[in-house]
Amino acid sequence: MVSDALFRSHDILQRRQYVDLVESVRNQGGNVLIFSSMHVSGEQLNQITGVAAILRFPLPEIENEEMDDDEQIESLEMPDRALEEVHIDGDDEPFDG
């Protein structure tokens, strides 16, 4: 899905980039839908960069990229936390449960 606004860009290199993208997708057997910026769907597409795709295969790498830095640090630290001893009331003895 591509917004027609990208094909009317004043930047010639940007227009060429999107024309090449569309040709590449079609050459590989994909379908390209061009949405009018005058229609509600085209306006919404323009709000999210003007390009969208429906993927047929999962991309697990994307899940890792979507995690912010704090979440990545927490996921790496979890095994260490499981090994920590728990002390109650300032007692130096580990809690047995």
C-alpha atoms as a PDB file:
ATOM      1  CA  MET A   1       0.000   0.000   0.000  1.00  0.00           C
ATOM      2  CA  VAL A   2       1.512   3.260  -1.127  1.00  0.00           C
ATOM      3  CA  SER A   3       0.132   6.767  -0.995  1.00  0.00           C
ATOM      4  CA  ASP A   4      -0.083   8.597  -4.302  1.00  0.00           C
ATOM      5  CA  ALA A   5       1.405  11.642  -2.560  1.00  0.00           C
ATOM      6  CA  LEU A   6       4.796   9.914  -2.609  1.00  0.00           C
ATOM      7  CA  PHE A   7       4.666   9.804  -6.405  1.00  0.00           C
ATOM      8  CA  ARG A   8       3.961  13.540  -6.543  1.00  0.00           C
ATOM      9  CA  SER A   9       6.841  14.539  -4.293  1.00  0.00           C
ATOM     10  CA  HIS A  10       8.908  17.536  -5.397  1.00  0.00           C
ATOM     11  CA  ASP A  11      12.021  15.477  -4.657  1.00  0.00           C
ATOM     12  CA  ILE A  12      12.795  13.585  -7.863  1.00  0.00           C
ATOM     13  CA  LEU A  13      15.010  11.049  -6.073  1.00  0.00           C
ATOM     14  CA  GLN A  14      12.225  10.237  -3.621  1.00  0.00           C
ATOM     15  CA  ARG A  15       9.742   9.728  -6.468  1.00  0.00           C
ATOM     16  CA  ARG A  16      12.206   7.451  -8.256  1.00  0.00           C
ATOM     17  CA  GLN A  17      12.737   5.454  -5.044  1.00  0.00           C
ATOM     18  CA  TYR A  18       9.024   4.697  -4.725  1.00  0.00           C
ATOM     19  CA  VAL A  19       8.630   3.905  -8.419  1.00  0.00           C
ATOM     20  CA  ASP A  20      11.511   1.425  -8.103  1.00  0.00           C
ATOM     21  CA  LEU A  21       9.939  -0.037  -4.958  1.00  0.00           C
ATOM     22  CA  VAL A  22       6.613  -0.614  -6.719  1.00  0.00           C
ATOM     23  CA  GLU A  23       8.320  -2.165  -9.753  1.00  0.00           C
ATOM     24  CA  SER A  24      10.388  -4.452  -7.512  1.00  0.00           C
ATOM     25  CA  VAL A  25       7.342  -5.678  -5.600  1.00  0.00           C
ATOM     26  CA  ARG A  26       5.426  -6.354  -8.810  1.00  0.00           C
ATOM     27  CA  ASN A  27       8.403  -8.147 -10.398  1.00  0.00           C
ATOM     28  CA  GLN A  28       8.528 -10.471  -7.386  1.00  0.00           C
ATOM     29  CA  GLY A  29       4.839 -11.327  -7.699  1.00  0.00           C
ATOM     30  CA  GLY A  30       3.527  -8.942  -5.070  1.00  0.00           C
ATOM     31  CA  ASN A  31       0.525  -6.661  -5.343  1.00  0.00           C
ATOM     32  CA  VAL A  32       0.800  -2.916  -4.906  1.00  0.00           C
ATOM     33  CA  LEU A  33      -2.197  -0.783  -4.060  1.00  0.00           C
ATOM     34  CA  ILE A  34      -1.891   2.961  -4.565  1.00  0.00           C
ATOM     35  CA  PHE A  35      -4.194   4.973  -2.323  1.00  0.00           C
ATOM     36  CA  SER A  36      -5.464   8.428  -3.201  1.00  0.00           C
ATOM     37  CA  SER A  37      -4.583  11.180  -0.747  1.00  0.00           C
ATOM     38  CA  MET A  38      -8.031  12.596  -1.418  1.00  0.00           C
ATOM     39  CA  HIS A  39      -9.694   9.559   0.181  1.00  0.00           C
ATOM     40  CA  VAL A  40      -9.895   8.880   3.926  1.00  0.00           C
ATOM     41  CA  SER A  41      -7.816   5.711   3.589  1.00  0.00           C
ATOM     42  CA  GLY A  42      -5.088   7.633   1.750  1.00  0.00           C
ATOM     43  CA  GLU A  43      -5.118  10.358   4.387  1.00  0.00           C
ATOM     44  CA  GLN A  44      -4.675   7.743   7.117  1.00  0.00           C
ATOM     45  CA  LEU A  45      -1.871   6.074   5.172  1.00  0.00           C
ATOM     46  CA  ASN A  46      -0.115   9.439   4.863  1.00  0.00           C
ATOM     47  CA  GLN A  47      -0.214   9.748   8.649  1.00  0.00           C
ATOM     48  CA  ILE A  48       1.956   6.627   8.932  1.00  0.00           C
ATOM     49  CA  THR A  49       4.664   7.504   6.363  1.00  0.00           C
ATOM     50  CA  GLY A  50       2.594   6.771   3.262  1.00  0.00           C
ATOM     51  CA  VAL A  51       3.739   3.154   2.986  1.00  0.00           C
ATOM     52  CA  ALA A  52       2.368   0.000   4.605  1.00  0.00           C
ATOM     53  CA  ALA A  53       2.624  -3.711   3.910  1.00  0.00           C
ATOM     54  CA  ILE A  54       0.883  -6.918   4.832  1.00  0.00           C
ATOM     55  CA  LEU A  55       3.537  -9.504   5.585  1.00  0.00           C
ATOM     56  CA  ARG A  56       2.926 -13.169   4.885  1.00  0.00           C
ATOM     57  CA  PHE A  57       5.694 -14.464   7.128  1.00  0.00           C
ATOM     58  CA  PRO A  58       6.532 -13.585  10.744  1.00  0.00           C
ATOM     59  CA  LEU A  59       9.589 -11.466  11.353  1.00  0.00           C
ATOM     60  CA  PRO A  60      10.827 -12.323  14.860  1.00  0.00           C
ATOM     61  CA  GLU A  61      13.551  -9.667  14.636  1.00  0.00           C
ATOM     62  CA  ILE A  62      10.858  -6.976  14.721  1.00  0.00           C
ATOM     63  CA  GLU A  63       9.717  -8.101  18.175  1.00  0.00           C
ATOM     64  CA  ASN A  64      13.206  -7.501  19.520  1.00  0.00           C
ATOM     65  CA  GLU A  65      13.431  -4.062  17.899  1.00  0.00           C
ATOM     66  CA  GLU A  66      10.108  -2.974  19.361  1.00  0.00           C
ATOM     67  CA  MET A  67      11.326  -3.480  22.914  1.00  0.00           C
ATOM     68  CA  ASP A  68      12.648  -0.283  24.389  1.00  0.00           C
ATOM     69  CA  ASP A  69      16.053  -0.219  26.063  1.00  0.00           C
ATOM     70  CA  ASP A  70      14.646  -0.681  29.586  1.00  0.00           C
ATOM     71  CA  GLU A  71      12.678  -3.783  28.563  1.00  0.00           C
ATOM     72  CA  GLN A  72      15.742  -5.294  26.888  1.00  0.00           C
ATOM     73  CA  ILE A  73      17.834  -4.697  29.995  1.00  0.00           C
ATOM     74  CA  GLU A  74      15.129  -6.227  32.213  1.00  0.00           C
ATOM     75  CA  SER A  75      14.865  -9.313  30.012  1.00  0.00           C
ATOM     76  CA  LEU A  76      18.621  -9.794  30.215  1.00  0.00           C
ATOM     77  CA  GLU A  77      18.706  -9.278  33.992  1.00  0.00           C
ATOM     78  CA  MET A  78      15.876 -11.686  34.890  1.00  0.00           C
ATOM     79  CA  PRO A  79      18.042 -14.817  35.233  1.00  0.00           C
ATOM     80  CA  ASP A  80      20.339 -12.931  37.636  1.00  0.00           C
ATOM     81  CA  ARG A  81      17.387 -11.853  39.766  1.00  0.00           C
ATOM     82  CA  ALA A  82      16.222 -15.446  40.118  1.00  0.00           C
ATOM     83  CA  LEU A  83      19.542 -16.344  41.730  1.00  0.00           C
ATOM     84  CA  GLU A  84      19.528 -13.514  44.275  1.00  0.00           C
ATOM     85  CA  GLU A  85      18.924 -14.394  47.909  1.00  0.00           C
ATOM     86  CA  VAL A  86      16.004 -12.770  49.679  1.00  0.00           C
ATOM     87  CA  HIS A  87      16.642 -11.295  53.147  1.00  0.00           C
ATOM     88  CA  ILE A  88      13.780 -10.297  55.446  1.00  0.00           C
ATOM     89  CA  ASP A  89      13.798  -7.665  58.211  1.00  0.00           C
ATOM     90  CA  GLY A  90      17.482  -6.941  57.791  1.00  0.00           C
ATOM     91  CA  ASP A  91      18.295 -10.526  58.757  1.00  0.00           C
ATOM     92  CA  ASP A  92      21.458 -11.846  57.149  1.00  0.00           C
ATOM     93  CA  GLU A  93      19.945 -15.305  56.749  1.00  0.00           C
ATOM     94  CA  PRO A  94      18.277 -16.169  53.421  1.00  0.00           C
ATOM     95  CA  PHE A  95      14.502 -16.653  53.498  1.00  0.00           C
ATOM     96  CA  ASP A  96      13.539 -20.341  53.173  1.00  0.00           C
ATOM     97  CA  GLY A  97       9.862 -19.815  52.534  1.00  0.00           C
END
